[in-house]
Structure formats: structure tokens, C-alpha cells
PDB file of all heavy atoms in Angstrom:
ATOM      1  N   VAL A   1      61.943 127.305  96.240  1.00  0.00           N
ATOM      2  CA  VAL A   1      63.204 126.684  96.011  1.00  0.00           C
ATOM      3  C   VAL A   1      64.307 127.674  96.262  1.00  0.00           C
ATOM      4  O   VAL A   1      64.232 128.807  95.770  1.00  0.00           O
ATOM      5  CB  VAL A   1      63.317 126.056  94.649  1.00  0.00           C
ATOM      6  CG1 VAL A   1      64.656 125.469  94.399  1.00  0.00           C
ATOM      7  CG2 VAL A   1      62.222 125.025  94.412  1.00  0.00           C
ATOM      8  N   HIS A   2      65.277 127.344  96.976  1.00  0.00           N
ATOM      9  CA  HIS A   2      66.451 128.180  97.312  1.00  0.00           C
ATOM     10  C   HIS A   2      67.666 127.593  96.619  1.00  0.00           C
ATOM     11  O   HIS A   2      67.659 126.402  96.261  1.00  0.00           O
ATOM     12  CB  HIS A   2      66.687 128.336  98.823  1.00  0.00           C
ATOM     13  CG  HIS A   2      65.409 128.716  99.547  1.00  0.00           C
ATOM     14  ND1 HIS A   2      65.048 130.000  99.624  1.00  0.00           N
ATOM     15  CD2 HIS A   2      64.495 128.027 100.245  1.00  0.00           C
ATOM     16  CE1 HIS A   2      63.906 130.097 100.272  1.00  0.00           C
ATOM     17  NE2 HIS A   2      63.599 128.890 100.686  1.00  0.00           N
ATOM     18  N   VAL A   3      68.699 128.368  96.440  1.00  0.00           N
ATOM     19  CA  VAL A   3      69.926 127.879  95.863  1.00  0.00           C
ATOM     20  C   VAL A   3      71.032 128.038  96.929  1.00  0.00           C
ATOM     21  O   VAL A   3      71.020 128.951  97.740  1.00  0.00           O
ATOM     22  CB  VAL A   3      70.330 128.620  94.560  1.00  0.00           C
ATOM     23  CG1 VAL A   3      69.367 128.276  93.477  1.00  0.00           C
ATOM     24  CG2 VAL A   3      70.472 130.101  94.768  1.00  0.00           C
ATOM     25  N   ARG A   4      71.955 127.096  96.866  1.00  0.00           N
ATOM     26  CA  ARG A   4      73.114 127.160  97.712  1.00  0.00           C
ATOM     27  C   ARG A   4      74.307 126.599  96.876  1.00  0.00           C
ATOM     28  O   ARG A   4      74.127 125.901  95.908  1.00  0.00           O
ATOM     29  CB  ARG A   4      72.958 126.329  99.017  1.00  0.00           C
ATOM     30  CG  ARG A   4      72.786 124.801  98.756  1.00  0.00           C
ATOM     31  CD  ARG A   4      73.069 124.025 100.036  1.00  0.00           C
ATOM     32  NE  ARG A   4      72.732 122.625  99.851  1.00  0.00           N
ATOM     33  CZ  ARG A   4      73.469 121.722  99.216  1.00  0.00           C
ATOM     34  NH1 ARG A   4      74.634 122.035  98.636  1.00  0.00           N
ATOM     35  NH2 ARG A   4      73.113 120.467  99.243  1.00  0.00           N
ATOM     36  N   PRO A   5      75.499 126.987  97.250  1.00  0.00           N
ATOM     37  CA  PRO A   5      76.687 126.419  96.519  1.00  0.00           C
ATOM     38  C   PRO A   5      76.768 124.896  96.676  1.00  0.00           C
ATOM     39  O   PRO A   5      76.419 124.330  97.697  1.00  0.00           O
ATOM     40  CB  PRO A   5      77.943 127.148  97.206  1.00  0.00           C
ATOM     41  CG  PRO A   5      77.358 128.286  97.914  1.00  0.00           C
ATOM     42  CD  PRO A   5      75.909 127.907  98.264  1.00  0.00           C
ATOM     43  N   MET A   6      77.224 124.279  95.631  1.00  0.00           N
ATOM     44  CA  MET A   6      77.345 122.822  95.631  1.00  0.00           C
ATOM     45  C   MET A   6      78.563 122.490  96.505  1.00  0.00           C
ATOM     46  O   MET A   6      79.590 123.208  96.435  1.00  0.00           O
ATOM     47  CB  MET A   6      77.628 122.333  94.154  1.00  0.00           C
ATOM     48  CG  MET A   6      77.546 120.827  93.994  1.00  0.00           C
ATOM     49  SD  MET A   6      77.774 120.349  92.278  1.00  0.00           S
ATOM     50  CE  MET A   6      76.159 120.786  91.542  1.00  0.00           C
ATOM     51  N   THR A   7      78.495 121.402  97.309  1.00  0.00           N
ATOM     52  CA  THR A   7      79.612 120.954  98.102  1.00  0.00           C
ATOM     53  C   THR A   7      80.638 120.207  97.160  1.00  0.00           C
ATOM     54  O   THR A   7      80.274 119.846  96.082  1.00  0.00           O
ATOM     55  CB  THR A   7      79.214 119.999  99.207  1.00  0.00           C
ATOM     56  OG1 THR A   7      78.715 118.788  98.623  1.00  0.00           O
ATOM     57  CG2 THR A   7      78.067 120.615 100.119  1.00  0.00           C
ATOM     58  N   ARG A   8      81.842 120.048  97.700  1.00  0.00           N
ATOM     59  CA  ARG A   8      82.875 119.308  96.920  1.00  0.00           C
ATOM     60  C   ARG A   8      82.429 117.888  96.641  1.00  0.00           C
ATOM     61  O   ARG A   8      82.659 117.380  95.518  1.00  0.00           O
ATOM     62  CB  ARG A   8      84.241 119.365  97.643  1.00  0.00           C
ATOM     63  CG  ARG A   8      84.871 120.753  97.622  1.00  0.00           C
ATOM     64  CD  ARG A   8      86.249 120.718  98.213  1.00  0.00           C
ATOM     65  NE  ARG A   8      86.675 122.105  98.462  1.00  0.00           N
ATOM     66  CZ  ARG A   8      87.236 122.854  97.524  1.00  0.00           C
ATOM     67  NH1 ARG A   8      87.418 122.416  96.318  1.00  0.00           N
ATOM     68  NH2 ARG A   8      87.613 124.105  97.827  1.00  0.00           N
ATOM     69  N   ALA A   9      81.810 117.212  97.643  1.00  0.00           N
ATOM     70  CA  ALA A   9      81.363 115.846  97.384  1.00  0.00           C
ATOM     71  C   ALA A   9      80.279 115.815  96.298  1.00  0.00           C
ATOM     72  O   ALA A   9      80.298 114.946  95.431  1.00  0.00           O
ATOM     73  CB  ALA A   9      80.841 115.297  98.683  1.00  0.00           C
ATOM     74  N   GLU A  10      79.339 116.785  96.417  1.00  0.00           N
ATOM     75  CA  GLU A  10      78.274 116.828  95.349  1.00  0.00           C
ATOM     76  C   GLU A  10      78.925 117.134  94.046  1.00  0.00           C
ATOM     77  O   GLU A  10      78.480 116.540  93.007  1.00  0.00           O
ATOM     78  CB  GLU A  10      77.299 117.920  95.714  1.00  0.00           C
ATOM     79  CG  GLU A  10      76.432 117.560  96.882  1.00  0.00           C
ATOM     80  CD  GLU A  10      75.589 118.795  97.378  1.00  0.00           C
ATOM     81  OE1 GLU A  10      76.031 119.917  97.186  1.00  0.00           O
ATOM     82  OE2 GLU A  10      74.533 118.524  97.914  1.00  0.00           O
ATOM     83  N   TYR A  11      79.917 117.959  93.995  1.00  0.00           N
ATOM     84  CA  TYR A  11      80.542 118.361  92.792  1.00  0.00           C
ATOM     85  C   TYR A  11      81.176 117.146  92.081  1.00  0.00           C
ATOM     86  O   TYR A  11      81.051 116.934  90.874  1.00  0.00           O
ATOM     87  CB  TYR A  11      81.623 119.437  93.040  1.00  0.00           C
ATOM     88  CG  TYR A  11      82.408 119.832  91.781  1.00  0.00           C
ATOM     89  CD1 TYR A  11      81.946 120.819  90.942  1.00  0.00           C
ATOM     90  CD2 TYR A  11      83.603 119.251  91.497  1.00  0.00           C
ATOM     91  CE1 TYR A  11      82.609 121.179  89.821  1.00  0.00           C
ATOM     92  CE2 TYR A  11      84.341 119.602  90.345  1.00  0.00           C
ATOM     93  CZ  TYR A  11      83.821 120.600  89.501  1.00  0.00           C
ATOM     94  OH  TYR A  11      84.549 120.926  88.405  1.00  0.00           O
ATOM     95  N   ASP A  12      81.889 116.335  92.813  1.00  0.00           N
ATOM     96  CA  ASP A  12      82.603 115.135  92.261  1.00  0.00           C
ATOM     97  C   ASP A  12      81.601 114.213  91.654  1.00  0.00           C
ATOM     98  O   ASP A  12      81.783 113.693  90.520  1.00  0.00           O
ATOM     99  CB  ASP A  12      83.407 114.412  93.362  1.00  0.00           C
ATOM    100  CG  ASP A  12      84.592 115.189  93.810  1.00  0.00           C
ATOM    101  OD1 ASP A  12      85.050 116.163  93.105  1.00  0.00           O
ATOM    102  OD2 ASP A  12      85.106 114.901  94.914  1.00  0.00           O
ATOM    103  N   LEU A  13      80.477 113.945  92.369  1.00  0.00           N
ATOM    104  CA  LEU A  13      79.466 113.065  91.810  1.00  0.00           C
ATOM    105  C   LEU A  13      78.813 113.695  90.556  1.00  0.00           C
ATOM    106  O   LEU A  13      78.545 113.035  89.514  1.00  0.00           O
ATOM    107  CB  LEU A  13      78.345 112.785  92.835  1.00  0.00           C
ATOM    108  CG  LEU A  13      77.171 111.918  92.408  1.00  0.00           C
ATOM    109  CD1 LEU A  13      77.582 110.587  92.006  1.00  0.00           C
ATOM    110  CD2 LEU A  13      76.132 111.883  93.511  1.00  0.00           C
ATOM    111  N   TRP A  14      78.518 114.989  90.625  1.00  0.00           N
ATOM    112  CA  TRP A  14      77.895 115.720  89.475  1.00  0.00           C
ATOM    113  C   TRP A  14      78.787 115.705  88.255  1.00  0.00           C
ATOM    114  O   TRP A  14      78.333 115.442  87.147  1.00  0.00           O
ATOM    115  CB  TRP A  14      77.594 117.145  89.867  1.00  0.00           C
ATOM    116  CG  TRP A  14      77.229 118.048  88.787  1.00  0.00           C
ATOM    117  CD1 TRP A  14      76.098 118.036  88.031  1.00  0.00           C
ATOM    118  CD2 TRP A  14      77.980 119.216  88.335  1.00  0.00           C
ATOM    119  NE1 TRP A  14      76.101 119.054  87.120  1.00  0.00           N
ATOM    120  CE2 TRP A  14      77.201 119.770  87.295  1.00  0.00           C
ATOM    121  CE3 TRP A  14      79.189 119.774  88.670  1.00  0.00           C
ATOM    122  CZ2 TRP A  14      77.696 120.927  86.608  1.00  0.00           C
ATOM    123  CZ3 TRP A  14      79.614 120.887  88.055  1.00  0.00           C
ATOM    124  CH2 TRP A  14      78.905 121.453  86.994  1.00  0.00           C
ATOM    125  N   GLN A  15      80.149 115.853  88.431  1.00  0.00           N
ATOM    126  CA  GLN A  15      81.033 115.846  87.385  1.00  0.00           C
ATOM    127  C   GLN A  15      81.027 114.556  86.563  1.00  0.00           C
ATOM    128  O   GLN A  15      81.044 114.505  85.317  1.00  0.00           O
ATOM    129  CB  GLN A  15      82.463 116.196  87.768  1.00  0.00           C
ATOM    130  CG  GLN A  15      82.709 117.649  87.894  1.00  0.00           C
ATOM    131  CD  GLN A  15      82.596 118.381  86.546  1.00  0.00           C
ATOM    132  OE1 GLN A  15      83.405 118.162  85.647  1.00  0.00           O
ATOM    133  NE2 GLN A  15      81.594 119.241  86.451  1.00  0.00           N
ATOM    134  N   SER A  16      80.948 113.438  87.289  1.00  0.00           N
ATOM    135  CA  SER A  16      80.918 112.132  86.646  1.00  0.00           C
ATOM    136  C   SER A  16      79.635 112.025  85.785  1.00  0.00           C
ATOM    137  O   SER A  16      79.664 111.586  84.600  1.00  0.00           O
ATOM    138  CB  SER A  16      80.910 111.035  87.684  1.00  0.00           C
ATOM    139  OG  SER A  16      82.164 111.016  88.356  1.00  0.00           O
ATOM    140  N   ARG A  17      78.534 112.333  86.342  1.00  0.00           N
ATOM    141  CA  ARG A  17      77.212 112.279  85.683  1.00  0.00           C
ATOM    142  C   ARG A  17      77.164 113.217  84.494  1.00  0.00           C
ATOM    143  O   ARG A  17      76.653 112.943  83.414  1.00  0.00           O
ATOM    144  CB  ARG A  17      76.082 112.458  86.644  1.00  0.00           C
ATOM    145  CG  ARG A  17      75.783 111.293  87.576  1.00  0.00           C
ATOM    146  CD  ARG A  17      74.587 111.441  88.398  1.00  0.00           C
ATOM    147  NE  ARG A  17      73.679 112.503  88.114  1.00  0.00           N
ATOM    148  CZ  ARG A  17      72.930 113.131  89.012  1.00  0.00           C
ATOM    149  NH1 ARG A  17      73.046 112.862  90.292  1.00  0.00           N
ATOM    150  NH2 ARG A  17      72.130 114.065  88.659  1.00  0.00           N
ATOM    151  N   LEU A  18      77.630 114.472  84.748  1.00  0.00           N
ATOM    152  CA  LEU A  18      77.621 115.487  83.710  1.00  0.00           C
ATOM    153  C   LEU A  18      78.327 115.058  82.502  1.00  0.00           C
ATOM    154  O   LEU A  18      77.891 115.222  81.398  1.00  0.00           O
ATOM    155  CB  LEU A  18      78.206 116.788  84.267  1.00  0.00           C
ATOM    156  CG  LEU A  18      78.260 117.946  83.285  1.00  0.00           C
ATOM    157  CD1 LEU A  18      76.848 118.432  82.933  1.00  0.00           C
ATOM    158  CD2 LEU A  18      79.066 119.102  83.929  1.00  0.00           C
ATOM    159  N   ALA A  19      79.577 114.522  82.659  1.00  0.00           N
ATOM    160  CA  ALA A  19      80.352 114.099  81.557  1.00  0.00           C
ATOM    161  C   ALA A  19      79.722 113.003  80.727  1.00  0.00           C
ATOM    162  O   ALA A  19      79.617 112.997  79.490  1.00  0.00           O
ATOM    163  CB  ALA A  19      81.776 113.732  81.947  1.00  0.00           C
ATOM    164  N   GLU A  20      79.114 112.022  81.413  1.00  0.00           N
ATOM    165  CA  GLU A  20      78.460 110.979  80.784  1.00  0.00           C
ATOM    166  C   GLU A  20      77.232 111.422  80.036  1.00  0.00           C
ATOM    167  O   GLU A  20      77.004 111.023  78.887  1.00  0.00           O
ATOM    168  CB  GLU A  20      78.055 109.879  81.816  1.00  0.00           C
ATOM    169  CG  GLU A  20      79.186 109.130  82.423  1.00  0.00           C
ATOM    170  CD  GLU A  20      78.789 108.307  83.583  1.00  0.00           C
ATOM    171  OE1 GLU A  20      77.602 108.177  83.937  1.00  0.00           O
ATOM    172  OE2 GLU A  20      79.705 107.688  84.206  1.00  0.00           O
ATOM    173  N   ASP A  21      76.467 112.265  80.676  1.00  0.00           N
ATOM    174  CA  ASP A  21      75.239 112.800  80.037  1.00  0.00           C
ATOM    175  C   ASP A  21      75.529 113.666  78.758  1.00  0.00           C
ATOM    176  O   ASP A  21      74.924 113.554  77.747  1.00  0.00           O
ATOM    177  CB  ASP A  21      74.380 113.588  81.001  1.00  0.00           C
ATOM    178  CG  ASP A  21      73.720 112.661  82.050  1.00  0.00           C
ATOM    179  OD1 ASP A  21      73.796 111.482  81.953  1.00  0.00           O
ATOM    180  OD2 ASP A  21      73.229 113.301  83.051  1.00  0.00           O
ATOM    181  N   TYR A  22      76.547 114.548  78.975  1.00  0.00           N
ATOM    182  CA  TYR A  22      76.958 115.436  77.887  1.00  0.00           C
ATOM    183  C   TYR A  22      77.511 114.665  76.714  1.00  0.00           C
ATOM    184  O   TYR A  22      77.118 114.940  75.536  1.00  0.00           O
ATOM    185  CB  TYR A  22      77.960 116.436  78.426  1.00  0.00           C
ATOM    186  CG  TYR A  22      78.404 117.490  77.419  1.00  0.00           C
ATOM    187  CD1 TYR A  22      77.471 118.249  76.749  1.00  0.00           C
ATOM    188  CD2 TYR A  22      79.723 117.770  77.200  1.00  0.00           C
ATOM    189  CE1 TYR A  22      77.857 119.265  75.850  1.00  0.00           C
ATOM    190  CE2 TYR A  22      80.132 118.727  76.304  1.00  0.00           C
ATOM    191  CZ  TYR A  22      79.226 119.496  75.634  1.00  0.00           C
ATOM    192  OH  TYR A  22      79.627 120.419  74.731  1.00  0.00           O
ATOM    193  N   ALA A  23      78.297 113.656  76.966  1.00  0.00           N
ATOM    194  CA  ALA A  23      78.847 112.876  75.888  1.00  0.00           C
ATOM    195  C   ALA A  23      77.736 112.101  75.174  1.00  0.00           C
ATOM    196  O   ALA A  23      77.712 112.108  73.924  1.00  0.00           O
ATOM    197  CB  ALA A  23      79.851 111.814  76.441  1.00  0.00           C
ATOM    198  N   ALA A  24      76.763 111.594  75.874  1.00  0.00           N
ATOM    199  CA  ALA A  24      75.653 110.846  75.257  1.00  0.00           C
ATOM    200  C   ALA A  24      74.802 111.774  74.409  1.00  0.00           C
ATOM    201  O   ALA A  24      74.405 111.486  73.271  1.00  0.00           O
ATOM    202  CB  ALA A  24      74.782 110.199  76.304  1.00  0.00           C
ATOM    203  N   GLU A  25      74.593 113.006  74.880  1.00  0.00           N
ATOM    204  CA  GLU A  25      73.858 114.050  74.144  1.00  0.00           C
ATOM    205  C   GLU A  25      74.571 114.365  72.805  1.00  0.00           C
ATOM    206  O   GLU A  25      73.874 114.497  71.783  1.00  0.00           O
ATOM    207  CB  GLU A  25      73.565 115.259  74.945  1.00  0.00           C
ATOM    208  CG  GLU A  25      72.579 115.108  76.049  1.00  0.00           C
ATOM    209  CD  GLU A  25      72.494 116.270  76.996  1.00  0.00           C
ATOM    210  OE1 GLU A  25      73.421 117.111  77.025  1.00  0.00           O
ATOM    211  OE2 GLU A  25      71.466 116.365  77.695  1.00  0.00           O
ATOM    212  N   GLN A  26      75.868 114.550  72.914  1.00  0.00           N
ATOM    213  CA  GLN A  26      76.621 114.938  71.730  1.00  0.00           C
ATOM    214  C   GLN A  26      76.658 113.817  70.671  1.00  0.00           C
ATOM    215  O   GLN A  26      76.570 114.012  69.493  1.00  0.00           O
ATOM    216  CB  GLN A  26      78.057 115.320  72.059  1.00  0.00           C
ATOM    217  CG  GLN A  26      78.147 116.601  72.966  1.00  0.00           C
ATOM    218  CD  GLN A  26      77.750 117.823  72.192  1.00  0.00           C
ATOM    219  OE1 GLN A  26      77.585 117.835  70.972  1.00  0.00           O
ATOM    220  NE2 GLN A  26      77.634 118.933  72.915  1.00  0.00           N
ATOM    221  N   VAL A  27      76.749 112.582  71.165  1.00  0.00           N
ATOM    222  CA  VAL A  27      76.697 111.418  70.243  1.00  0.00           C
ATOM    223  C   VAL A  27      75.317 111.301  69.625  1.00  0.00           C
ATOM    224  O   VAL A  27      75.203 111.097  68.415  1.00  0.00           O
ATOM    225  CB  VAL A  27      77.077 110.129  70.984  1.00  0.00           C
ATOM    226  CG1 VAL A  27      76.820 108.891  70.108  1.00  0.00           C
ATOM    227  CG2 VAL A  27      78.578 110.194  71.437  1.00  0.00           C
ATOM    228  N   SER A  28      74.295 111.440  70.451  1.00  0.00           N
ATOM    229  CA  SER A  28      72.945 111.320  69.939  1.00  0.00           C
ATOM    230  C   SER A  28      72.635 112.392  68.907  1.00  0.00           C
ATOM    231  O   SER A  28      71.910 112.144  67.933  1.00  0.00           O
ATOM    232  CB  SER A  28      71.937 111.467  71.107  1.00  0.00           C
ATOM    233  OG  SER A  28      70.608 111.406  70.645  1.00  0.00           O
ATOM    234  N   ALA A  29      73.172 113.601  69.093  1.00  0.00           N
ATOM    235  CA  ALA A  29      72.982 114.692  68.174  1.00  0.00           C
ATOM    236  C   ALA A  29      73.805 114.537  66.925  1.00  0.00           C
ATOM    237  O   ALA A  29      73.732 115.389  65.998  1.00  0.00           O
ATOM    238  CB  ALA A  29      73.280 116.039  68.849  1.00  0.00           C
ATOM    239  N   GLY A  30      74.728 113.564  66.882  1.00  0.00           N
ATOM    240  CA  GLY A  30      75.568 113.361  65.684  1.00  0.00           C
ATOM    241  C   GLY A  30      76.764 114.318  65.642  1.00  0.00           C
ATOM    242  O   GLY A  30      77.378 114.425  64.625  1.00  0.00           O
ATOM    243  N   ARG A  31      77.116 114.895  66.771  1.00  0.00           N
ATOM    244  CA  ARG A  31      78.204 115.872  66.742  1.00  0.00           C
ATOM    245  C   ARG A  31      79.540 115.237  67.174  1.00  0.00           C
ATOM    246  O   ARG A  31      80.590 115.751  66.742  1.00  0.00           O
ATOM    247  CB  ARG A  31      77.858 117.002  67.676  1.00  0.00           C
ATOM    248  CG  ARG A  31      76.627 117.779  67.303  1.00  0.00           C
ATOM    249  CD  ARG A  31      76.329 118.859  68.194  1.00  0.00           C
ATOM    250  NE  ARG A  31      77.284 119.910  68.071  1.00  0.00           N
ATOM    251  CZ  ARG A  31      77.356 120.981  68.781  1.00  0.00           C
ATOM    252  NH1 ARG A  31      76.546 121.182  69.760  1.00  0.00           N
ATOM    253  NH2 ARG A  31      78.298 121.894  68.558  1.00  0.00           N
ATOM    254  N   TRP A  32      79.517 114.135  67.928  1.00  0.00           N
ATOM    255  CA  TRP A  32      80.776 113.483  68.352  1.00  0.00           C
ATOM    256  C   TRP A  32      80.696 111.994  68.087  1.00  0.00           C
ATOM    257  O   TRP A  32      79.680 111.370  68.059  1.00  0.00           O
ATOM    258  CB  TRP A  32      80.924 113.692  69.899  1.00  0.00           C
ATOM    259  CG  TRP A  32      81.272 115.098  70.331  1.00  0.00           C
ATOM    260  CD1 TRP A  32      81.418 116.199  69.573  1.00  0.00           C
ATOM    261  CD2 TRP A  32      81.483 115.509  71.709  1.00  0.00           C
ATOM    262  NE1 TRP A  32      81.706 117.261  70.340  1.00  0.00           N
ATOM    263  CE2 TRP A  32      81.770 116.884  71.654  1.00  0.00           C
ATOM    264  CE3 TRP A  32      81.390 114.884  72.924  1.00  0.00           C
ATOM    265  CZ2 TRP A  32      81.988 117.640  72.830  1.00  0.00           C
ATOM    266  CZ3 TRP A  32      81.611 115.596  74.070  1.00  0.00           C
ATOM    267  CH2 TRP A  32      81.927 116.930  74.021  1.00  0.00           C
ATOM    268  N   ASP A  33      81.897 111.435  67.974  1.00  0.00           N
ATOM    269  CA  ASP A  33      82.139 110.030  67.850  1.00  0.00           C
ATOM    270  C   ASP A  33      81.953 109.316  69.211  1.00  0.00           C
ATOM    271  O   ASP A  33      82.512 109.803  70.203  1.00  0.00           O
ATOM    272  CB  ASP A  33      83.528 109.808  67.235  1.00  0.00           C
ATOM    273  CG  ASP A  33      83.820 108.343  67.061  1.00  0.00           C
ATOM    274  OD1 ASP A  33      82.979 107.654  66.438  1.00  0.00           O
ATOM    275  OD2 ASP A  33      84.880 107.865  67.542  1.00  0.00           O
ATOM    276  N   ALA A  34      81.234 108.192  69.219  1.00  0.00           N
ATOM    277  CA  ALA A  34      80.982 107.531  70.497  1.00  0.00           C
ATOM    278  C   ALA A  34      82.222 107.073  71.240  1.00  0.00           C
ATOM    279  O   ALA A  34      82.295 107.109  72.438  1.00  0.00           O
ATOM    280  CB  ALA A  34      80.066 106.319  70.229  1.00  0.00           C
ATOM    281  N   GLU A  35      83.257 106.649  70.483  1.00  0.00           N
ATOM    282  CA  GLU A  35      84.443 106.126  71.115  1.00  0.00           C
ATOM    283  C   GLU A  35      85.207 107.163  71.892  1.00  0.00           C
ATOM    284  O   GLU A  35      85.946 106.814  72.857  1.00  0.00           O
ATOM    285  CB  GLU A  35      85.349 105.482  70.094  1.00  0.00           C
ATOM    286  CG  GLU A  35      84.829 104.158  69.518  1.00  0.00           C
ATOM    287  CD  GLU A  35      83.727 104.387  68.535  1.00  0.00           C
ATOM    288  OE1 GLU A  35      83.769 105.351  67.744  1.00  0.00           O
ATOM    289  OE2 GLU A  35      82.774 103.527  68.544  1.00  0.00           O
TER     290      GLU A  35
END
């Protein structure tokens, strides 16, 4: 497996998923309010 820099298009998609996943993990862990 090799690594390469993420493209801008990949970055935009990743940011949307990352925020959703991170928010869900924080809520599940009881650290943040769901709203």
C-alpha cells in the first residue's frame, strides 16, 4: 500500500463524512450533546 496526498475533491467528501462520524462517536461516548 502506498500513500499519496488527498485531492481537493476527495478532501471535500472526506470532510463531510469525517464530521458526521466524529460527531456520532462523541455522542455515543457521552461527551457531546446530539443536537
